[in-house]
């Protein structure tokens, strides 16, 4: 997230030195899933996910990183 270099996270197909392709898509899904599950208003959650450009705030509000620490 802190750089614009997506080479190792997106659009890699099978060409990755880490053995896992397109990991960024999976991580984005898990963050959005966590945000959606925590939201009381599911319709508003979908709107926020689709329209946001404040990705760090969405990550923080999703609680996904907190859930990993448990």
Protein backbone atom coordinates (compact mmCIF):
# COMPACT_ATOMS: atom_id res chain seq x y z
CA UNK A 1 0.00 0.00 0.00
CA UNK A 2 2.71 2.58 0.69
CA UNK A 3 4.10 2.42 -2.86
CA UNK A 4 2.68 2.43 -6.35
CA UNK A 5 4.73 -0.64 -7.29
CA UNK A 6 2.24 -3.48 -7.66
CA UNK A 7 4.64 -5.88 -9.34
CA UNK A 8 4.63 -8.50 -6.58
CA UNK A 9 0.97 -8.08 -5.53
CA UNK A 10 -1.25 -7.59 -8.58
CA UNK A 11 -1.32 -8.59 -12.23
CA UNK A 12 1.35 -11.26 -11.80
CA UNK A 13 -0.51 -14.27 -13.14
CA UNK A 14 1.91 -17.15 -12.59
CA UNK A 15 5.03 -15.01 -12.91
CA UNK A 16 5.98 -14.46 -9.28
CA UNK A 17 9.09 -15.37 -7.40
CA UNK A 18 7.12 -15.95 -4.19
CA UNK A 19 5.01 -18.80 -5.56
CA UNK A 20 1.72 -17.02 -4.81
CA UNK A 21 0.20 -14.97 -7.61
CA UNK A 22 -2.01 -11.93 -7.21
CA UNK A 23 -1.94 -11.93 -3.41
CA UNK A 24 -3.18 -8.32 -3.36
CA UNK A 25 -6.59 -9.39 -4.64
CA UNK A 26 -6.97 -11.90 -1.82
CA UNK A 27 -5.86 -9.41 0.84
CA UNK A 28 -8.27 -6.79 -0.50
CA UNK A 29 -11.08 -9.30 -0.34
CA UNK A 30 -10.30 -10.24 3.26
CA UNK A 31 -10.12 -6.60 4.36
CA UNK A 32 -13.44 -5.79 2.66
CA UNK A 33 -15.02 -8.92 4.10
CA UNK A 34 -13.95 -7.93 7.62
CA UNK A 35 -15.27 -4.39 7.14
CA UNK A 36 -18.60 -5.65 5.80
CA UNK A 37 -19.05 -8.21 8.59
CA UNK A 38 -18.49 -5.56 11.29
CA UNK A 39 -20.85 -3.02 9.71
CA UNK A 40 -24.37 -2.68 11.06
CA UNK A 41 -25.63 -1.11 7.81
CA UNK A 42 -24.56 -3.56 5.10
CA UNK A 43 -25.74 -1.33 2.24
CA UNK A 44 -23.68 1.59 3.52
CA UNK A 45 -20.71 -0.74 3.98
CA UNK A 46 -20.86 -1.77 0.32
CA UNK A 47 -21.08 1.89 -0.74
CA UNK A 48 -18.08 2.77 1.42
CA UNK A 49 -16.02 -0.14 0.08
CA UNK A 50 -16.78 0.77 -3.53
CA UNK A 51 -16.38 4.54 -3.25
CA UNK A 52 -13.52 4.97 -0.79
CA UNK A 53 -10.16 6.40 -1.66
CA UNK A 54 -9.10 6.35 2.00
CA UNK A 55 -7.67 2.84 2.00
CA UNK A 56 -5.73 3.05 5.24
CA UNK A 57 -8.84 4.24 7.07
CA UNK A 58 -10.88 1.37 5.58
CA UNK A 59 -8.19 -1.08 6.69
CA UNK A 60 -8.19 0.38 10.20
CA UNK A 61 -11.98 0.39 10.42
CA UNK A 62 -12.20 -3.19 9.15
CA UNK A 63 -10.34 -4.46 12.20
CA UNK A 64 -8.60 -6.97 9.93
CA UNK A 65 -5.14 -6.29 11.33
CA UNK A 66 -6.48 -6.52 14.89
CA UNK A 67 -8.03 -9.89 14.07
CA UNK A 68 -4.64 -11.16 12.87
CA UNK A 69 -3.05 -10.33 16.22
CA UNK A 70 -5.45 -12.59 18.12
